[in-house]
PDB file of N, CA and C in Angstrom:
ATOM      1  N   MET A   1      13.611  11.386   3.769  1.00  0.00           N
ATOM      2  CA  MET A   1      12.195  11.327   4.046  1.00  0.00           C
ATOM      3  C   MET A   1      11.718   9.896   3.794  1.00  0.00           C
ATOM      4  N   GLY A   2      10.993   9.321   4.767  1.00  0.00           N
ATOM      5  CA  GLY A   2      10.518   7.956   4.659  1.00  0.00           C
ATOM      6  C   GLY A   2       9.108   7.880   4.099  1.00  0.00           C
ATOM      7  N   LEU A   3       8.646   6.658   3.960  1.00  0.00           N
ATOM      8  CA  LEU A   3       7.278   6.429   3.488  1.00  0.00           C
ATOM      9  C   LEU A   3       6.272   6.902   4.531  1.00  0.00           C
ATOM     10  N   GLU A   4       5.107   7.312   4.068  1.00  0.00           N
ATOM     11  CA  GLU A   4       4.065   7.769   4.973  1.00  0.00           C
ATOM     12  C   GLU A   4       3.466   6.629   5.796  1.00  0.00           C
ATOM     13  N   MET A   5       3.502   5.386   5.295  1.00  0.00           N
ATOM     14  CA  MET A   5       2.998   4.208   5.990  1.00  0.00           C
ATOM     15  C   MET A   5       1.531   4.361   6.395  1.00  0.00           C
ATOM     16  N   LYS A   6       0.685   4.580   5.405  1.00  0.00           N
ATOM     17  CA  LYS A   6      -0.757   4.698   5.647  1.00  0.00           C
ATOM     18  C   LYS A   6      -1.283   3.426   6.299  1.00  0.00           C
ATOM     19  N   ILE A   7      -2.345   3.552   7.092  1.00  0.00           N
ATOM     20  CA  ILE A   7      -2.827   2.413   7.863  1.00  0.00           C
ATOM     21  C   ILE A   7      -4.099   1.781   7.305  1.00  0.00           C
ATOM     22  N   ASN A   8      -4.712   2.393   6.284  1.00  0.00           N
ATOM     23  CA  ASN A   8      -5.931   1.847   5.681  1.00  0.00           C
ATOM     24  C   ASN A   8      -5.809   1.821   4.164  1.00  0.00           C
ATOM     25  N   CYS A   9      -6.465   0.825   3.564  1.00  0.00           N
ATOM     26  CA  CYS A   9      -6.540   0.716   2.105  1.00  0.00           C
ATOM     27  C   CYS A   9      -7.324   1.902   1.552  1.00  0.00           C
ATOM     28  N   GLU A  10      -6.836   2.492   0.482  1.00  0.00           N
ATOM     29  CA  GLU A  10      -7.506   3.645  -0.120  1.00  0.00           C
ATOM     30  C   GLU A  10      -8.825   3.287  -0.788  1.00  0.00           C
ATOM     31  N   THR A  11      -9.034   2.023  -1.112  1.00  0.00           N
ATOM     32  CA  THR A  11     -10.270   1.619  -1.775  1.00  0.00           C
ATOM     33  C   THR A  11     -11.324   1.138  -0.780  1.00  0.00           C
ATOM     34  N   CYS A  12     -10.991   0.138   0.019  1.00  0.00           N
ATOM     35  CA  CYS A  12     -11.985  -0.499   0.888  1.00  0.00           C
ATOM     36  C   CYS A  12     -11.903  -0.052   2.340  1.00  0.00           C
ATOM     37  N   GLU A  13     -10.910   0.779   2.674  1.00  0.00           N
ATOM     38  CA  GLU A  13     -10.720   1.295   4.038  1.00  0.00           C
ATOM     39  C   GLU A  13     -10.323   0.221   5.051  1.00  0.00           C
ATOM     40  N   ARG A  14     -10.041  -0.997   4.579  1.00  0.00           N
ATOM     41  CA  ARG A  14      -9.609  -2.069   5.479  1.00  0.00           C
ATOM     42  C   ARG A  14      -8.283  -1.683   6.136  1.00  0.00           C
ATOM     43  N   ALA A  15      -8.144  -2.030   7.413  1.00  0.00           N
ATOM     44  CA  ALA A  15      -6.886  -1.794   8.108  1.00  0.00           C
ATOM     45  C   ALA A  15      -5.799  -2.645   7.450  1.00  0.00           C
ATOM     46  N   LEU A  16      -4.660  -2.040   7.205  1.00  0.00           N
ATOM     47  CA  LEU A  16      -3.557  -2.739   6.547  1.00  0.00           C
ATOM     48  C   LEU A  16      -2.664  -3.410   7.578  1.00  0.00           C
ATOM     49  N   ASN A  17      -2.258  -4.623   7.287  1.00  0.00           N
ATOM     50  CA  ASN A  17      -1.274  -5.302   8.112  1.00  0.00           C
ATOM     51  C   ASN A  17       0.077  -5.123   7.437  1.00  0.00           C
ATOM     52  N   ASP A  18       0.980  -6.043   7.663  1.00  0.00           N
ATOM     53  CA  ASP A  18       2.301  -5.937   7.034  1.00  0.00           C
ATOM     54  C   ASP A  18       2.255  -6.145   5.530  1.00  0.00           C
ATOM     55  N   LEU A  19       1.146  -6.673   5.020  1.00  0.00           N
ATOM     56  CA  LEU A  19       1.036  -6.943   3.591  1.00  0.00           C
ATOM     57  C   LEU A  19       0.213  -5.847   2.922  1.00  0.00           C
ATOM     58  N   ALA A  20       0.906  -4.801   2.503  1.00  0.00           N
ATOM     59  CA  ALA A  20       0.271  -3.676   1.822  1.00  0.00           C
ATOM     60  C   ALA A  20       1.045  -3.410   0.532  1.00  0.00           C
ATOM     61  N   TYR A  21       0.389  -2.754  -0.399  1.00  0.00           N
ATOM     62  CA  TYR A  21       0.994  -2.469  -1.704  1.00  0.00           C
ATOM     63  C   TYR A  21       0.933  -0.976  -1.973  1.00  0.00           C
ATOM     64  N   ILE A  22       1.999  -0.448  -2.585  1.00  0.00           N
ATOM     65  CA  ILE A  22       2.077   0.978  -2.882  1.00  0.00           C
ATOM     66  C   ILE A  22       2.562   1.197  -4.312  1.00  0.00           C
ATOM     67  N   CYS A  23       2.271   2.409  -4.830  1.00  0.00           N
ATOM     68  CA  CYS A  23       2.818   2.823  -6.123  1.00  0.00           C
ATOM     69  C   CYS A  23       3.895   3.879  -5.847  1.00  0.00           C
ATOM     70  N   VAL A  24       4.448   4.433  -6.876  1.00  0.00           N
ATOM     71  CA  VAL A  24       5.520   5.417  -6.739  1.00  0.00           C
ATOM     72  C   VAL A  24       5.052   6.682  -6.003  1.00  0.00           C
ATOM     73  N   HIS A  25       3.742   6.949  -6.029  1.00  0.00           N
ATOM     74  CA  HIS A  25       3.201   8.133  -5.344  1.00  0.00           C
ATOM     75  C   HIS A  25       2.675   7.793  -3.955  1.00  0.00           C
ATOM     76  N   GLU A  26       2.951   6.573  -3.475  1.00  0.00           N
ATOM     77  CA  GLU A  26       2.562   6.072  -2.171  1.00  0.00           C
ATOM     78  C   GLU A  26       1.056   5.885  -2.001  1.00  0.00           C
ATOM     79  N   CYS A  27       0.324   5.732  -3.118  1.00  0.00           N
ATOM     80  CA  CYS A  27      -1.063   5.298  -3.007  1.00  0.00           C
ATOM     81  C   CYS A  27      -0.979   3.902  -2.397  1.00  0.00           C
ATOM     82  N   THR A  28      -1.854   3.577  -1.464  1.00  0.00           N
ATOM     83  CA  THR A  28      -1.697   2.365  -0.671  1.00  0.00           C
ATOM     84  C   THR A  28      -2.968   1.515  -0.700  1.00  0.00           C
ATOM     85  N   PHE A  29      -2.783   0.203  -0.945  1.00  0.00           N
ATOM     86  CA  PHE A  29      -3.910  -0.710  -1.087  1.00  0.00           C
ATOM     87  C   PHE A  29      -3.636  -2.031  -0.386  1.00  0.00           C
ATOM     88  N   CYS A  30      -4.719  -2.724  -0.007  1.00  0.00           N
ATOM     89  CA  CYS A  30      -4.593  -4.058   0.591  1.00  0.00           C
ATOM     90  C   CYS A  30      -4.316  -5.080  -0.520  1.00  0.00           C
ATOM     91  N   GLU A  31      -4.032  -6.298  -0.112  1.00  0.00           N
ATOM     92  CA  GLU A  31      -3.718  -7.350  -1.078  1.00  0.00           C
ATOM     93  C   GLU A  31      -4.897  -7.646  -2.004  1.00  0.00           C
ATOM     94  N   GLU A  32      -6.119  -7.686  -1.454  1.00  0.00           N
ATOM     95  CA  GLU A  32      -7.294  -8.006  -2.255  1.00  0.00           C
ATOM     96  C   GLU A  32      -7.568  -6.934  -3.312  1.00  0.00           C
ATOM     97  N   CYS A  33      -7.506  -5.666  -2.925  1.00  0.00           N
ATOM     98  CA  CYS A  33      -7.748  -4.594  -3.889  1.00  0.00           C
ATOM     99  C   CYS A  33      -6.638  -4.537  -4.933  1.00  0.00           C
ATOM    100  N   THR A  34      -5.406  -4.797  -4.522  1.00  0.00           N
ATOM    101  CA  THR A  34      -4.289  -4.829  -5.474  1.00  0.00           C
ATOM    102  C   THR A  34      -4.531  -5.902  -6.532  1.00  0.00           C
ATOM    103  N   ALA A  35      -5.000  -7.078  -6.105  1.00  0.00           N
ATOM    104  CA  ALA A  35      -5.303  -8.155  -7.054  1.00  0.00           C
ATOM    105  C   ALA A  35      -6.440  -7.732  -7.980  1.00  0.00           C
ATOM    106  N   GLN A  36      -7.438  -7.059  -7.435  1.00  0.00           N
ATOM    107  CA  GLN A  36      -8.573  -6.591  -8.245  1.00  0.00           C
ATOM    108  C   GLN A  36      -8.100  -5.623  -9.328  1.00  0.00           C
ATOM    109  N   TYR A  37      -7.093  -4.823  -9.018  1.00  0.00           N
ATOM    110  CA  TYR A  37      -6.564  -3.843  -9.976  1.00  0.00           C
ATOM    111  C   TYR A  37      -5.423  -4.401 -10.827  1.00  0.00           C
ATOM    112  N   ASP A  38      -5.168  -5.708 -10.747  1.00  0.00           N
ATOM    113  CA  ASP A  38      -4.069  -6.339 -11.494  1.00  0.00           C
ATOM    114  C   ASP A  38      -2.733  -5.641 -11.254  1.00  0.00           C
ATOM    115  N   SER A  39      -2.508  -5.212 -10.012  1.00  0.00           N
ATOM    116  CA  SER A  39      -1.263  -4.567  -9.572  1.00  0.00           C
ATOM    117  C   SER A  39      -0.960  -3.254 -10.293  1.00  0.00           C
ATOM    118  N   ILE A  40      -2.018  -2.573 -10.767  1.00  0.00           N
ATOM    119  CA  ILE A  40      -1.877  -1.259 -11.402  1.00  0.00           C
ATOM    120  C   ILE A  40      -2.684  -0.249 -10.578  1.00  0.00           C
ATOM    121  N   CYS A  41      -2.034   0.820 -10.152  1.00  0.00           N
ATOM    122  CA  CYS A  41      -2.690   1.828  -9.326  1.00  0.00           C
ATOM    123  C   CYS A  41      -3.848   2.479 -10.089  1.00  0.00           C
ATOM    124  N   PRO A  42      -5.043   2.488  -9.492  1.00  0.00           N
ATOM    125  CA  PRO A  42      -6.181   3.107 -10.176  1.00  0.00           C
ATOM    126  C   PRO A  42      -6.098   4.634 -10.204  1.00  0.00           C
ATOM    127  N   ASN A  43      -5.217   5.204  -9.402  1.00  0.00           N
ATOM    128  CA  ASN A  43      -5.074   6.662  -9.346  1.00  0.00           C
ATOM    129  C   ASN A  43      -4.102   7.214 -10.383  1.00  0.00           C
ATOM    130  N   CYS A  44      -2.972   6.522 -10.552  1.00  0.00           N
ATOM    131  CA  CYS A  44      -1.920   7.081 -11.422  1.00  0.00           C
ATOM    132  C   CYS A  44      -1.430   6.105 -12.493  1.00  0.00           C
ATOM    133  N   SER A  45      -1.954   4.888 -12.497  1.00  0.00           N
ATOM    134  CA  SER A  45      -1.552   3.830 -13.436  1.00  0.00           C
ATOM    135  C   SER A  45      -0.143   3.304 -13.204  1.00  0.00           C
ATOM    136  N   GLY A  46       0.438   3.625 -12.046  1.00  0.00           N
ATOM    137  CA  GLY A  46       1.752   3.089 -11.699  1.00  0.00           C
ATOM    138  C   GLY A  46       1.642   1.655 -11.199  1.00  0.00           C
ATOM    139  N   GLU A  47       2.753   0.962 -11.176  1.00  0.00           N
ATOM    140  CA  GLU A  47       2.793  -0.420 -10.701  1.00  0.00           C
ATOM    141  C   GLU A  47       2.638  -0.452  -9.180  1.00  0.00           C
ATOM    142  N   LEU A  48       1.809  -1.364  -8.677  1.00  0.00           N
ATOM    143  CA  LEU A  48       1.665  -1.568  -7.241  1.00  0.00           C
ATOM    144  C   LEU A  48       2.605  -2.689  -6.820  1.00  0.00           C
ATOM    145  N   VAL A  49       3.451  -2.407  -5.837  1.00  0.00           N
ATOM    146  CA  VAL A  49       4.433  -3.373  -5.347  1.00  0.00           C
ATOM    147  C   VAL A  49       4.303  -3.482  -3.830  1.00  0.00           C
ATOM    148  N   ARG A  50       4.834  -4.580  -3.267  1.00  0.00           N
ATOM    149  CA  ARG A  50       4.795  -4.768  -1.819  1.00  0.00           C
ATOM    150  C   ARG A  50       5.477  -3.601  -1.129  1.00  0.00           C
ATOM    151  N   ARG A  51       4.813  -3.086  -0.116  1.00  0.00           N
ATOM    152  CA  ARG A  51       5.394  -2.008   0.682  1.00  0.00           C
ATOM    153  C   ARG A  51       6.422  -2.610   1.626  1.00  0.00           C
ATOM    154  N   PRO A  52       7.590  -1.991   1.765  1.00  0.00           N
ATOM    155  CA  PRO A  52       8.580  -2.519   2.687  1.00  0.00           C
ATOM    156  C   PRO A  52       8.088  -2.414   4.121  1.00  0.00           C
ATOM    157  N   LYS A  53       8.568  -3.333   4.953  1.00  0.00           N
ATOM    158  CA  LYS A  53       8.208  -3.311   6.367  1.00  0.00           C
ATOM    159  C   LYS A  53       9.090  -2.297   7.078  1.00  0.00           C
ATOM    160  N   PRO A  54       8.561  -1.612   8.114  1.00  0.00           N
ATOM    161  CA  PRO A  54       9.398  -0.688   8.876  1.00  0.00           C
ATOM    162  C   PRO A  54      10.389  -1.480   9.718  1.00  0.00           C
ATOM    163  N   PRO A  55      11.504  -0.851  10.112  1.00  0.00           N
ATOM    164  CA  PRO A  55      12.459  -1.545  10.980  1.00  0.00           C
ATOM    165  C   PRO A  55      11.786  -1.964  12.297  1.00  0.00           C
ATOM    166  N   SER A  56      12.264  -2.993  12.918  1.00  0.00           N
ATOM    167  CA  SER A  56      11.721  -3.462  14.193  1.00  0.00           C
ATOM    168  C   SER A  56      11.705  -2.325  15.206  1.00  0.00           C
ATOM    169  N   GLY A  57      10.610  -2.264  15.967  1.00  0.00           N
ATOM    170  CA  GLY A  57      10.497  -1.255  17.013  1.00  0.00           C
ATOM    171  C   GLY A  57       9.902   0.053  16.563  1.00  0.00           C
ATOM    172  N   ILE A  58       9.674   0.225  15.268  1.00  0.00           N
ATOM    173  CA  ILE A  58       9.082   1.460  14.763  1.00  0.00           C
ATOM    174  C   ILE A  58       7.649   1.154  14.373  1.00  0.00           C
ATOM    175  N   GLU A  59       6.712   1.874  14.998  1.00  0.00           N
ATOM    176  CA  GLU A  59       5.305   1.670  14.675  1.00  0.00           C
ATOM    177  C   GLU A  59       4.897   2.545  13.521  1.00  0.00           C
ATOM    178  N   HIS A  60       3.855   2.117  12.784  1.00  0.00           N
ATOM    179  CA  HIS A  60       3.326   2.914  11.678  1.00  0.00           C
ATOM    180  C   HIS A  60       1.906   3.262  11.917  1.00  0.00           C
TER     181      HIS A  60
END
């Protein structure tokens, strides 16, 4: 099972580009909101890390 690859930030609803951050529960945030939260998920307190990019040719 792969990542859900959400398309909007959970906080500001901004459309996500290739630079998105996720926690272990796949909560997803943009770079600006991640910085605001000091890379800690506001939902579960997990670490927010760069989301991997999908393989070429696969849309999210």
